[in-house]
Amino acid sequence: MISNESKELIAFYNVENLFSPDSPQVHKLDPTLSGLRNWDKRRYHNKLFKIAHVFQLVQETENTLPFLIGLSEIQGQKPLDDLVAMDPFNSNFGVVHYDSMDERGVDVALLYDKNKVEIISSEPITYFFEIEDDSPSTYDTTRDVLFCKVKYLGEIINVFVLHLPSKREKDVNKPKRDYIMQDLREKVVQLINHQNEAVIICGDFNENPIDENLMNLQYDYNSEKKLINPYIDLFKNQKFSTFHYKDGLLFDQIILSDKFFIGDFVLKFSEAKIFNHLKLMNYNKNFAGRPFRTYAGTRYLGGYSDHFPVITELKKNNNI
């Protein structure tokens, strides 16, 4: 491991429904804003404590906090403000977040170290999809992709944070993922080929690194490789960030442009890892090695998340 003085970390974490507490129900079967069962203030504060504790563990293990942290499965600004006020962030981290048009109000966000990062601009990228059945609505929406242009040590870095549509219901959402990935590829090609700027894409892709969309994303339209996904090797070595029944999955990934691997850019890729700390694992021997989740269906377990965080370690270029 390289020293604290010469490394930086990027993290992404699907935090599994970090929502504000629901108002008390008048009737037991009344719908709730969160969609969760008995999501009250006590469970909310336990969840905040758990997510903050994850980054305390990262700091203890890595001797530093990530300077950029992508998050998914957030509902609203308040949980983010409450989180960054806690240890180990202690209000030293800023928040970039937009409310999306997702039907559950689920968003993505970027946390950033205010002492290291300047936000140049940010915007949500919103997608609309036509509905072809007899639904009264004419279009469907999904979670936004968050796009931020940031400055770190004088260099521009373009950061995308995403949580692509899920594979539920026999993967009915695959056309949506295909469209978003194609649009993202076009945006990345523009930034790299025409503006010569660095790019980071982090998120829950709901696809594994070796799936077609992720493989195609790495190349421009001249078949030149412009992005590098270090999580391919982790997946091939059966390292997983989440699970579905018996299947290990690596939907959570951090993909970097080639600037982080070649040339004299300010940061150089060092290592990709899954932060599967023992304390984040399920204590039930039947689910050994899996994340200790907050809910299993409607049953409250009180854990961290159904995903492990993923981390990319970068080495500072001391020749600059």
Protein backbone atom coordinates (compact mmCIF):
# COMPACT_ATOMS: atom_id res chain seq x y z
CA MET A 1 0.00 0.00 0.00
CA ILE A 2 1.33 3.42 -0.91
CA SER A 3 1.64 6.07 1.78
CA ASN A 4 -1.19 8.36 2.82
CA GLU A 5 0.72 11.40 1.49
CA SER A 6 0.96 10.03 -2.05
CA LYS A 7 -2.42 8.43 -2.63
CA GLU A 8 -6.04 9.37 -3.16
CA LEU A 9 -9.17 7.22 -3.11
CA ILE A 10 -12.40 7.25 -5.10
CA ALA A 11 -15.36 5.29 -3.73
CA PHE A 12 -18.80 4.26 -4.85
CA TYR A 13 -21.45 2.84 -2.54
CA ASN A 14 -25.00 1.69 -3.16
CA VAL A 15 -26.31 2.40 0.35
CA GLU A 16 -29.64 0.52 0.02
CA ASN A 17 -32.47 2.97 0.61
CA LEU A 18 -31.04 5.84 2.63
CA PHE A 19 -34.38 7.61 3.05
CA SER A 20 -35.71 10.15 5.52
CA PRO A 21 -37.98 8.62 8.17
CA ASP A 22 -41.64 8.23 7.27
CA SER A 23 -44.38 10.17 9.02
CA PRO A 24 -46.46 8.04 11.39
CA GLN A 25 -49.18 6.09 9.58
CA VAL A 26 -52.80 6.77 10.44
CA HIS A 27 -53.75 3.27 9.33
CA LYS A 28 -51.45 0.25 9.32
CA LEU A 29 -51.79 -0.34 5.57
CA ASP A 30 -51.33 3.29 4.52
CA PRO A 31 -48.61 3.67 1.87
CA THR A 32 -45.38 5.32 2.99
CA LEU A 33 -43.09 7.68 1.12
CA SER A 34 -40.13 5.32 1.56
CA GLY A 35 -42.01 2.16 0.64
CA LEU A 36 -40.24 0.50 3.57
CA ARG A 37 -41.89 -1.21 6.51
CA ASN A 38 -41.76 0.73 9.81
CA TRP A 39 -39.12 3.18 8.56
CA ASP A 40 -39.09 5.41 11.63
CA LYS A 41 -36.59 7.86 13.16
CA ARG A 42 -34.83 5.15 15.16
CA ARG A 43 -34.15 3.03 12.10
CA TYR A 44 -33.18 6.10 10.09
CA HIS A 45 -30.58 7.20 12.63
CA ASN A 46 -29.24 3.65 12.89
CA LYS A 47 -28.87 3.62 9.10
CA LEU A 48 -27.02 6.95 9.12
CA PHE A 49 -24.71 5.65 11.84
CA LYS A 50 -24.05 2.50 9.84
CA ILE A 51 -23.18 4.34 6.60
CA ALA A 52 -20.92 6.79 8.45
CA HIS A 53 -19.29 3.82 10.18
CA VAL A 54 -18.43 2.31 6.79
CA PHE A 55 -16.32 5.35 5.99
CA GLN A 56 -14.77 5.32 9.44
CA LEU A 57 -13.65 1.78 8.61
CA VAL A 58 -12.33 2.95 5.24
CA GLN A 59 -10.36 5.69 6.95
CA GLU A 60 -8.94 3.25 9.51
CA THR A 61 -8.02 0.70 6.84
CA GLU A 62 -6.71 3.04 4.14
CA ASN A 63 -5.38 5.85 6.39
CA THR A 64 -7.39 8.37 4.39
CA LEU A 65 -10.92 9.13 3.24
CA PRO A 66 -11.91 9.08 -0.45
CA PHE A 67 -11.83 12.56 -1.95
CA LEU A 68 -14.75 11.63 -4.23
CA ILE A 69 -17.62 9.38 -3.14
CA GLY A 70 -20.48 8.39 -5.42
CA LEU A 71 -23.64 7.21 -3.69
CA SER A 72 -26.85 5.61 -4.94
CA GLU A 73 -30.26 4.76 -3.47
CA ILE A 74 -30.60 8.14 -1.77
CA GLN A 75 -34.00 9.79 -1.35
CA GLY A 76 -33.72 13.55 -1.03
CA GLN A 77 -31.16 16.03 0.28
CA LYS A 78 -31.72 15.66 4.04
CA PRO A 79 -30.08 12.23 4.52
CA LEU A 80 -27.00 13.50 2.68
CA ASP A 81 -26.78 16.65 4.82
CA ASP A 82 -27.20 14.57 7.96
CA LEU A 83 -24.53 12.11 6.80
CA VAL A 84 -21.78 14.63 6.00
CA ALA A 85 -22.32 16.30 9.38
CA MET A 86 -21.26 13.07 11.08
CA ASP A 87 -17.85 11.62 11.84
CA PRO A 88 -15.67 11.02 9.81
CA PHE A 89 -16.91 13.70 7.37
CA ASN A 90 -17.44 16.39 10.01
CA SER A 91 -18.83 18.91 7.51
CA ASN A 92 -15.58 18.85 5.50
CA PHE A 93 -17.42 17.23 2.59
CA GLY A 94 -19.77 18.91 0.17
CA VAL A 95 -22.78 17.33 -1.52
CA VAL A 96 -23.95 17.40 -5.14
CA HIS A 97 -27.48 16.06 -5.48
CA TYR A 98 -30.58 16.59 -7.61
CA ASP A 99 -34.07 15.17 -7.09
CA SER A 100 -34.78 12.76 -9.92
CA MET A 101 -38.06 11.81 -11.57
CA ASP A 102 -37.66 8.17 -10.57
CA GLU A 103 -41.02 6.75 -9.46
CA ARG A 104 -39.62 6.00 -5.98
CA GLY A 105 -37.72 9.27 -5.78
CA VAL A 106 -34.41 7.41 -5.65
CA ASP A 107 -31.37 9.49 -6.55
CA VAL A 108 -27.60 9.40 -6.89
CA ALA A 109 -25.20 11.88 -5.31
CA LEU A 110 -21.55 12.89 -5.14
CA LEU A 111 -19.75 13.70 -1.90
CA TYR A 112 -16.46 15.55 -2.28
CA ASP A 113 -13.67 16.75 0.00
CA LYS A 114 -14.05 20.53 -0.01
CA ASN A 115 -10.35 20.96 0.83
CA LYS A 116 -9.29 19.13 -2.35
CA VAL A 117 -12.06 19.49 -4.91
CA GLU A 118 -13.73 22.46 -6.56
CA ILE A 119 -17.05 21.88 -8.33
CA ILE A 120 -16.93 23.71 -11.66
CA SER A 121 -20.41 22.68 -12.78
CA SER A 122 -22.98 19.96 -12.22
CA GLU A 123 -26.23 18.78 -13.77
CA PRO A 124 -28.61 15.83 -13.76
CA ILE A 125 -28.98 13.93 -17.02
CA THR A 126 -32.62 12.87 -17.18
CA TYR A 127 -34.02 10.14 -19.43
CA PHE A 128 -37.59 9.65 -20.64
CA PHE A 129 -38.85 6.43 -22.22
CA GLU A 130 -42.06 5.97 -24.18
CA ILE A 131 -44.57 3.50 -22.76
CA GLU A 132 -45.97 1.19 -25.41
CA ASP A 133 -48.78 -0.44 -23.38
CA ASP A 134 -52.18 0.87 -22.26
CA SER A 135 -50.79 2.84 -19.34
CA PRO A 136 -52.37 6.29 -18.81
CA SER A 137 -48.85 7.76 -18.73
CA THR A 138 -47.13 8.43 -22.04
CA TYR A 139 -43.59 8.05 -20.75
CA ASP A 140 -41.56 6.34 -18.06
CA THR A 141 -38.62 7.75 -16.12
CA THR A 142 -35.68 6.34 -14.23
CA ARG A 143 -32.90 7.58 -11.99
CA ASP A 144 -30.86 10.50 -13.32
CA VAL A 145 -27.20 10.23 -14.18
CA LEU A 146 -25.31 12.89 -12.23
CA PHE A 147 -22.63 14.73 -14.18
CA CYS A 148 -20.06 16.90 -12.39
CA LYS A 149 -17.08 18.76 -13.78
CA VAL A 150 -14.58 19.18 -10.96
CA LYS A 151 -11.10 20.61 -10.50
CA TYR A 152 -8.44 18.74 -8.54
CA LEU A 153 -4.90 20.18 -8.27
CA GLY A 154 -5.59 22.37 -11.29
CA GLU A 155 -6.82 19.52 -13.51
CA ILE A 156 -10.35 19.07 -14.83
CA ILE A 157 -12.01 15.72 -14.10
CA ASN A 158 -15.45 14.81 -15.42
CA VAL A 159 -17.36 12.60 -13.02
CA PHE A 160 -20.49 10.59 -13.82
CA VAL A 161 -22.45 8.91 -11.01
CA LEU A 162 -25.17 6.48 -12.03
CA HIS A 163 -27.54 3.76 -10.92
CA LEU A 164 -28.90 2.09 -14.04
CA PRO A 165 -32.34 0.42 -14.20
CA SER A 166 -32.50 -2.94 -12.47
CA LYS A 167 -32.70 -6.45 -13.92
CA ARG A 168 -35.96 -7.28 -12.13
CA GLU A 169 -38.98 -8.80 -13.91
CA LYS A 170 -36.98 -10.82 -16.46
CA ASP A 171 -34.84 -7.78 -17.29
CA VAL A 172 -37.64 -5.70 -18.76
CA ASN A 173 -35.40 -2.65 -18.25
CA LYS A 174 -32.57 -3.81 -20.51
CA PRO A 175 -33.56 -1.45 -23.39
CA LYS A 176 -33.35 1.46 -20.94
CA ARG A 177 -29.87 0.45 -19.81
CA ASP A 178 -28.79 -0.01 -23.42
CA TYR A 179 -30.00 3.49 -24.33
CA ILE A 180 -28.40 5.19 -21.32
CA MET A 181 -25.09 3.41 -21.89
CA GLN A 182 -25.07 4.40 -25.55
CA ASP A 183 -25.78 8.02 -24.65
CA LEU A 184 -23.09 7.93 -21.96
CA ARG A 185 -20.60 6.52 -24.45
CA GLU A 186 -21.25 9.43 -26.82
CA LYS A 187 -20.73 11.96 -24.03
CA VAL A 188 -17.50 10.31 -22.93
CA VAL A 189 -16.10 10.19 -26.46
CA GLN A 190 -16.77 13.93 -26.77
CA LEU A 191 -14.98 14.71 -23.50
CA ILE A 192 -11.96 12.52 -24.22
CA ASN A 193 -11.47 12.83 -27.98
CA HIS A 194 -12.50 16.46 -28.45
CA GLN A 195 -11.75 18.09 -25.11
CA ASN A 196 -8.91 15.84 -23.95
CA GLU A 197 -10.30 15.75 -20.40
CA ALA A 198 -10.18 13.04 -17.75
CA VAL A 199 -13.31 10.98 -17.03
CA ILE A 200 -14.49 8.90 -14.08
CA ILE A 201 -17.68 6.84 -14.28
CA CYS A 202 -18.82 5.28 -11.02
CA GLY A 203 -22.04 3.55 -10.18
CA ASP A 204 -24.26 0.54 -9.94
CA PHE A 205 -24.54 -0.53 -13.58
CA ASN A 206 -26.86 -3.49 -12.87
CA GLU A 207 -24.54 -5.36 -15.22
CA ASN A 208 -21.26 -7.15 -14.64
CA PRO A 209 -17.97 -5.79 -16.05
CA ILE A 210 -17.82 -8.42 -18.81
CA ASP A 211 -21.35 -7.74 -20.10
CA GLU A 212 -21.64 -6.28 -23.59
CA ASN A 213 -22.63 -2.73 -22.57
CA LEU A 214 -19.68 -2.40 -20.21
CA MET A 215 -17.22 -3.82 -22.71
CA ASN A 216 -18.44 -1.51 -25.50
CA LEU A 217 -18.28 1.54 -23.23
CA GLN A 218 -14.49 1.31 -23.13
CA TYR A 219 -14.08 2.05 -26.86
CA ASP A 220 -14.76 5.01 -29.12
CA TYR A 221 -16.33 4.63 -32.56
CA ASN A 222 -12.94 3.95 -34.16
CA SER A 223 -12.50 0.95 -31.82
CA GLU A 224 -9.81 2.78 -29.87
CA LYS A 225 -9.81 2.06 -26.15
CA LYS A 226 -10.50 5.25 -24.19
CA LEU A 227 -11.75 3.89 -20.87
CA ILE A 228 -10.29 1.17 -18.67
CA ASN A 229 -12.37 -0.90 -16.27
CA PRO A 230 -10.14 -2.48 -13.59
CA TYR A 231 -13.13 -4.30 -12.14
CA ILE A 232 -13.06 -6.79 -15.03
CA ASP A 233 -10.13 -8.60 -13.42
CA LEU A 234 -11.82 -8.57 -10.01
CA PHE A 235 -14.94 -10.14 -11.46
CA LYS A 236 -12.94 -12.79 -13.30
CA ASN A 237 -11.32 -13.62 -9.97
CA GLN A 238 -14.79 -14.05 -8.44
CA LYS A 239 -14.74 -10.89 -6.35
CA PHE A 240 -18.27 -9.60 -5.87
CA SER A 241 -19.96 -6.50 -4.43
CA THR A 242 -23.50 -7.91 -4.15
CA PHE A 243 -25.41 -11.14 -4.55
CA HIS A 244 -28.69 -12.35 -6.03
CA TYR A 245 -29.71 -15.72 -4.66
CA LYS A 246 -26.63 -17.90 -5.33
CA ASP A 247 -25.07 -15.59 -7.90
CA GLY A 248 -22.20 -13.27 -7.03
CA LEU A 249 -22.37 -9.98 -8.92
CA LEU A 250 -20.06 -7.02 -9.47
CA PHE A 251 -22.56 -4.39 -10.57
CA ASP A 252 -20.66 -1.67 -8.67
CA GLN A 253 -17.71 -0.35 -10.63
CA ILE A 254 -15.43 2.67 -11.09
CA ILE A 255 -14.25 3.14 -14.67
CA LEU A 256 -11.43 5.54 -15.59
CA SER A 257 -10.24 7.19 -18.78
CA ASP A 258 -6.80 6.34 -20.08
CA LYS A 259 -5.34 9.57 -18.64
CA PHE A 260 -5.18 7.77 -15.29
CA PHE A 261 -2.98 5.05 -16.81
CA ILE A 262 -0.70 6.75 -19.33
CA GLY A 263 1.07 10.10 -19.69
CA ASP A 264 1.79 12.62 -16.95
CA PHE A 265 -1.66 13.17 -15.45
CA VAL A 266 -1.83 14.31 -11.81
CA LEU A 267 -3.29 10.96 -10.62
CA LYS A 268 -2.30 7.44 -11.68
CA PHE A 269 -4.28 4.27 -11.21
CA SER A 270 -2.90 2.00 -8.50
CA GLU A 271 -5.50 -0.57 -7.45
CA ALA A 272 -9.20 -1.43 -7.57
CA LYS A 273 -10.78 -3.20 -4.63
CA ILE A 274 -14.05 -4.21 -3.01
CA PHE A 275 -14.29 -2.95 0.54
CA ASN A 276 -15.72 -6.13 2.07
CA HIS A 277 -14.60 -5.44 5.62
CA LEU A 278 -15.56 -8.18 8.07
CA LYS A 279 -17.83 -5.79 9.99
CA LEU A 280 -19.91 -5.20 6.85
CA MET A 281 -20.58 -8.91 6.35
CA ASN A 282 -23.60 -10.90 7.39
CA TYR A 283 -23.01 -12.74 10.67
CA ASN A 284 -25.42 -15.55 9.67
CA LYS A 285 -23.30 -18.50 8.53
CA ASN A 286 -25.85 -19.28 5.80
CA PHE A 287 -24.95 -15.93 4.21
CA ALA A 288 -21.26 -15.88 5.04
CA GLY A 289 -19.24 -13.43 2.94
CA ARG A 290 -22.29 -11.45 1.87
CA PRO A 291 -23.18 -7.87 2.80
CA PHE A 292 -25.16 -7.34 6.02
CA ARG A 293 -28.20 -5.64 4.59
CA THR A 294 -30.76 -3.30 6.13
CA TYR A 295 -33.84 -5.19 4.93
CA ALA A 296 -34.46 -8.67 3.54
CA GLY A 297 -37.74 -8.12 1.74
CA THR A 298 -39.97 -6.51 4.38
CA ARG A 299 -37.97 -7.98 7.28
CA TYR A 300 -35.76 -5.44 9.05
CA LEU A 301 -32.25 -6.71 9.78
CA GLY A 302 -30.59 -3.44 10.77
CA GLY A 303 -27.46 -3.89 8.67
CA TYR A 304 -25.44 -1.59 6.44
CA SER A 305 -26.46 -2.28 2.85
CA ASP A 306 -27.02 -5.12 0.41
CA HIS A 307 -23.90 -3.94 -1.46
CA PHE A 308 -20.26 -3.59 -0.47
CA PRO A 309 -18.57 -0.29 -1.38
CA VAL A 310 -15.97 -0.33 -4.15
CA ILE A 311 -12.77 1.71 -3.99
CA THR A 312 -10.17 2.77 -6.53
CA GLU A 313 -6.78 3.79 -5.22
CA LEU A 314 -4.85 6.41 -7.19
CA LYS A 315 -1.24 7.46 -6.79
CA LYS A 316 -0.34 11.13 -6.93
CA ASN A 317 2.10 12.00 -9.69
CA ASN A 318 4.91 13.58 -7.66
CA ASN A 319 6.75 14.64 -10.82
CA ILE A 320 4.21 17.38 -11.46
